[in-house]
Amino acid sequence: MKLDPVRTYTTGRDPQSDVVFQETAISWNHAQIYWGGTSGVLEDLNSTNGTYGLGQRISLAEAGRGSVFRLGRVSARWDSPVGHRRHRATCNRRHRAACNSNVSKGGQ
């Protein structure tokens, strides 16, 4: 899944989200991802179960290569920055079934 650096991408359980999760601990409109000029940015949208980076609840975080975030009970790793070649989110093994095929197949 190639990401356009001028777009904002939504994540959540809403089928209209750009990245859809089927995990009940993820809010309908959980977070958004956008290009912050030098790196990707992950912003929580006041989700019920939170977005976490480095073990702490975050409202806004820089997303660089190898960054690991948790949305609800699903962990996702940022493989490359938004706006640069390809972005791929991969789900942890325990909750892989909670992600739709777009995410669990590496966004391709």
C-alpha atoms as a PDB file:
ATOM      1  CA  MET A   1       0.000   0.000   0.000  1.00  0.00           C
ATOM      2  CA  LYS A   2       1.678   3.199  -1.166  1.00  0.00           C
ATOM      3  CA  LEU A   3       0.825   6.201   0.960  1.00  0.00           C
ATOM      4  CA  ASP A   4       0.485   9.679  -0.449  1.00  0.00           C
ATOM      5  CA  PRO A   5       2.322  12.246   1.726  1.00  0.00           C
ATOM      6  CA  VAL A   6      -0.412  14.859   1.227  1.00  0.00           C
ATOM      7  CA  ARG A   7      -3.220  12.554   2.467  1.00  0.00           C
ATOM      8  CA  THR A   8      -4.313  11.652   5.960  1.00  0.00           C
ATOM      9  CA  TYR A   9      -5.104   7.962   6.505  1.00  0.00           C
ATOM     10  CA  THR A  10      -7.594   6.738   9.088  1.00  0.00           C
ATOM     11  CA  THR A  11      -7.485   3.549  11.151  1.00  0.00           C
ATOM     12  CA  GLY A  12     -10.274   1.878  13.074  1.00  0.00           C
ATOM     13  CA  ARG A  13     -13.155  -0.577  12.867  1.00  0.00           C
ATOM     14  CA  ASP A  14     -15.143   1.648  10.500  1.00  0.00           C
ATOM     15  CA  PRO A  15     -15.241  -0.162   7.139  1.00  0.00           C
ATOM     16  CA  GLN A  16     -14.630   3.229   5.489  1.00  0.00           C
ATOM     17  CA  SER A  17     -11.247   3.574   7.263  1.00  0.00           C
ATOM     18  CA  ASP A  18      -8.108   3.317   5.159  1.00  0.00           C
ATOM     19  CA  VAL A  19      -6.735   0.633   7.511  1.00  0.00           C
ATOM     20  CA  VAL A  20      -9.551  -1.474   8.969  1.00  0.00           C
ATOM     21  CA  PHE A  21      -9.178  -3.609  12.095  1.00  0.00           C
ATOM     22  CA  GLN A  22     -11.773  -6.140  13.249  1.00  0.00           C
ATOM     23  CA  GLU A  23     -10.594  -6.094  16.875  1.00  0.00           C
ATOM     24  CA  THR A  24     -13.262  -4.944  19.345  1.00  0.00           C
ATOM     25  CA  ALA A  25     -10.663  -3.113  21.489  1.00  0.00           C
ATOM     26  CA  ILE A  26     -10.024  -0.746  18.569  1.00  0.00           C
ATOM     27  CA  SER A  27     -12.366   2.229  18.289  1.00  0.00           C
ATOM     28  CA  TRP A  28     -14.523   2.863  15.235  1.00  0.00           C
ATOM     29  CA  ASN A  29     -12.276   5.865  14.407  1.00  0.00           C
ATOM     30  CA  HIS A  30      -9.145   5.013  16.380  1.00  0.00           C
ATOM     31  CA  ALA A  31      -6.199   6.953  14.935  1.00  0.00           C
ATOM     32  CA  GLN A  32      -4.894   8.733  11.878  1.00  0.00           C
ATOM     33  CA  ILE A  33      -1.566   8.648  10.061  1.00  0.00           C
ATOM     34  CA  TYR A  34      -0.102  11.515   8.085  1.00  0.00           C
ATOM     35  CA  TRP A  35       3.187  12.913   6.843  1.00  0.00           C
ATOM     36  CA  GLY A  36       4.757  15.410   9.237  1.00  0.00           C
ATOM     37  CA  GLY A  37       7.400  16.794   6.878  1.00  0.00           C
ATOM     38  CA  THR A  38      10.304  14.610   7.978  1.00  0.00           C
ATOM     39  CA  SER A  39       8.506  11.504   9.251  1.00  0.00           C
ATOM     40  CA  GLY A  40       5.129   9.880   9.597  1.00  0.00           C
ATOM     41  CA  VAL A  41       2.889  10.948  12.457  1.00  0.00           C
ATOM     42  CA  LEU A  42       0.407   8.730  14.315  1.00  0.00           C
ATOM     43  CA  GLU A  43      -2.349  10.620  16.108  1.00  0.00           C
ATOM     44  CA  ASP A  44      -4.872   9.010  18.433  1.00  0.00           C
ATOM     45  CA  LEU A  45      -8.443  10.208  17.826  1.00  0.00           C
ATOM     46  CA  ASN A  46      -9.565  10.032  21.483  1.00  0.00           C
ATOM     47  CA  SER A  47      -9.937   6.259  21.244  1.00  0.00           C
ATOM     48  CA  THR A  48     -11.413   4.389  24.190  1.00  0.00           C
ATOM     49  CA  ASN A  49      -8.571   1.882  24.663  1.00  0.00           C
ATOM     50  CA  GLY A  50      -5.783   4.166  23.518  1.00  0.00           C
ATOM     51  CA  THR A  51      -2.782   4.169  21.245  1.00  0.00           C
ATOM     52  CA  TYR A  52       0.550   3.268  22.798  1.00  0.00           C
ATOM     53  CA  GLY A  53       4.168   3.822  21.827  1.00  0.00           C
ATOM     54  CA  LEU A  54       7.135   2.728  23.946  1.00  0.00           C
ATOM     55  CA  GLY A  55       4.703   1.375  26.538  1.00  0.00           C
ATOM     56  CA  GLN A  56       3.040   4.738  27.178  1.00  0.00           C
ATOM     57  CA  ARG A  57      -0.317   6.027  26.030  1.00  0.00           C
ATOM     58  CA  ILE A  58       0.196   8.648  23.354  1.00  0.00           C
ATOM     59  CA  SER A  59      -1.954  11.230  21.662  1.00  0.00           C
ATOM     60  CA  LEU A  60       0.621  12.061  18.977  1.00  0.00           C
ATOM     61  CA  ALA A  61       3.849  10.293  18.014  1.00  0.00           C
ATOM     62  CA  GLU A  62       6.457  10.303  15.293  1.00  0.00           C
ATOM     63  CA  ALA A  63       6.375   7.093  13.258  1.00  0.00           C
ATOM     64  CA  GLY A  64       9.789   6.090  11.957  1.00  0.00           C
ATOM     65  CA  ARG A  65      11.132   2.860  10.514  1.00  0.00           C
ATOM     66  CA  GLY A  66      10.811   0.065  13.069  1.00  0.00           C
ATOM     67  CA  SER A  67       8.459   1.993  15.391  1.00  0.00           C
ATOM     68  CA  VAL A  68       6.033  -0.290  17.213  1.00  0.00           C
ATOM     69  CA  PHE A  69       2.621   0.970  18.260  1.00  0.00           C
ATOM     70  CA  ARG A  70      -0.284  -0.682  20.010  1.00  0.00           C
ATOM     71  CA  LEU A  71      -3.837   0.210  19.100  1.00  0.00           C
ATOM     72  CA  GLY A  72      -6.200  -1.388  21.599  1.00  0.00           C
ATOM     73  CA  ARG A  73      -4.791  -4.931  21.853  1.00  0.00           C
ATOM     74  CA  VAL A  74      -3.191  -4.990  18.384  1.00  0.00           C
ATOM     75  CA  SER A  75       0.503  -4.242  17.885  1.00  0.00           C
ATOM     76  CA  ALA A  76       1.656  -2.810  14.576  1.00  0.00           C
ATOM     77  CA  ARG A  77       5.177  -2.108  13.346  1.00  0.00           C
ATOM     78  CA  TRP A  78       5.976   0.762  11.006  1.00  0.00           C
ATOM     79  CA  ASP A  79       8.317  -0.620   8.344  1.00  0.00           C
ATOM     80  CA  SER A  80       8.950   2.580   6.422  1.00  0.00           C
ATOM     81  CA  PRO A  81       7.900   6.199   6.757  1.00  0.00           C
ATOM     82  CA  VAL A  82       4.804   7.669   5.109  1.00  0.00           C
ATOM     83  CA  GLY A  83       5.610   9.289   1.822  1.00  0.00           C
ATOM     84  CA  HIS A  84       8.655   7.137   1.261  1.00  0.00           C
ATOM     85  CA  ARG A  85       8.361   4.110  -1.035  1.00  0.00           C
ATOM     86  CA  ARG A  86       6.062   1.766   0.861  1.00  0.00           C
ATOM     87  CA  HIS A  87       4.453   1.663   4.266  1.00  0.00           C
ATOM     88  CA  ARG A  88       3.626  -1.672   5.788  1.00  0.00           C
ATOM     89  CA  ALA A  89       1.909  -2.385   9.062  1.00  0.00           C
ATOM     90  CA  THR A  90       2.231  -5.887  10.417  1.00  0.00           C
ATOM     91  CA  CYS A  91       0.138  -7.254  13.249  1.00  0.00           C
ATOM     92  CA  ASN A  92       1.458  -9.310  16.107  1.00  0.00           C
ATOM     93  CA  ARG A  93       0.794 -13.056  15.896  1.00  0.00           C
ATOM     94  CA  ARG A  94      -1.700 -13.219  18.749  1.00  0.00           C
ATOM     95  CA  HIS A  95      -4.091 -10.713  17.166  1.00  0.00           C
ATOM     96  CA  ARG A  96      -3.381 -11.281  13.470  1.00  0.00           C
ATOM     97  CA  ALA A  97      -6.946 -12.505  12.897  1.00  0.00           C
ATOM     98  CA  ALA A  98      -8.262  -9.182  14.209  1.00  0.00           C
ATOM     99  CA  CYS A  99      -6.742  -7.269  11.290  1.00  0.00           C
ATOM    100  CA  ASN A 100      -8.369  -7.199   7.911  1.00  0.00           C
ATOM    101  CA  SER A 101      -6.519  -8.747   5.004  1.00  0.00           C
ATOM    102  CA  ASN A 102      -5.121  -5.390   3.883  1.00  0.00           C
ATOM    103  CA  VAL A 103      -3.061  -5.044   7.066  1.00  0.00           C
ATOM    104  CA  SER A 104      -2.252  -8.687   7.772  1.00  0.00           C
ATOM    105  CA  LYS A 105      -0.863  -9.088   4.236  1.00  0.00           C
ATOM    106  CA  GLY A 106       1.451  -6.147   4.762  1.00  0.00           C
ATOM    107  CA  GLY A 107      -0.772  -3.544   3.131  1.00  0.00           C
ATOM    108  CA  GLN A 108      -0.327  -4.892  -0.379  1.00  0.00           C
END
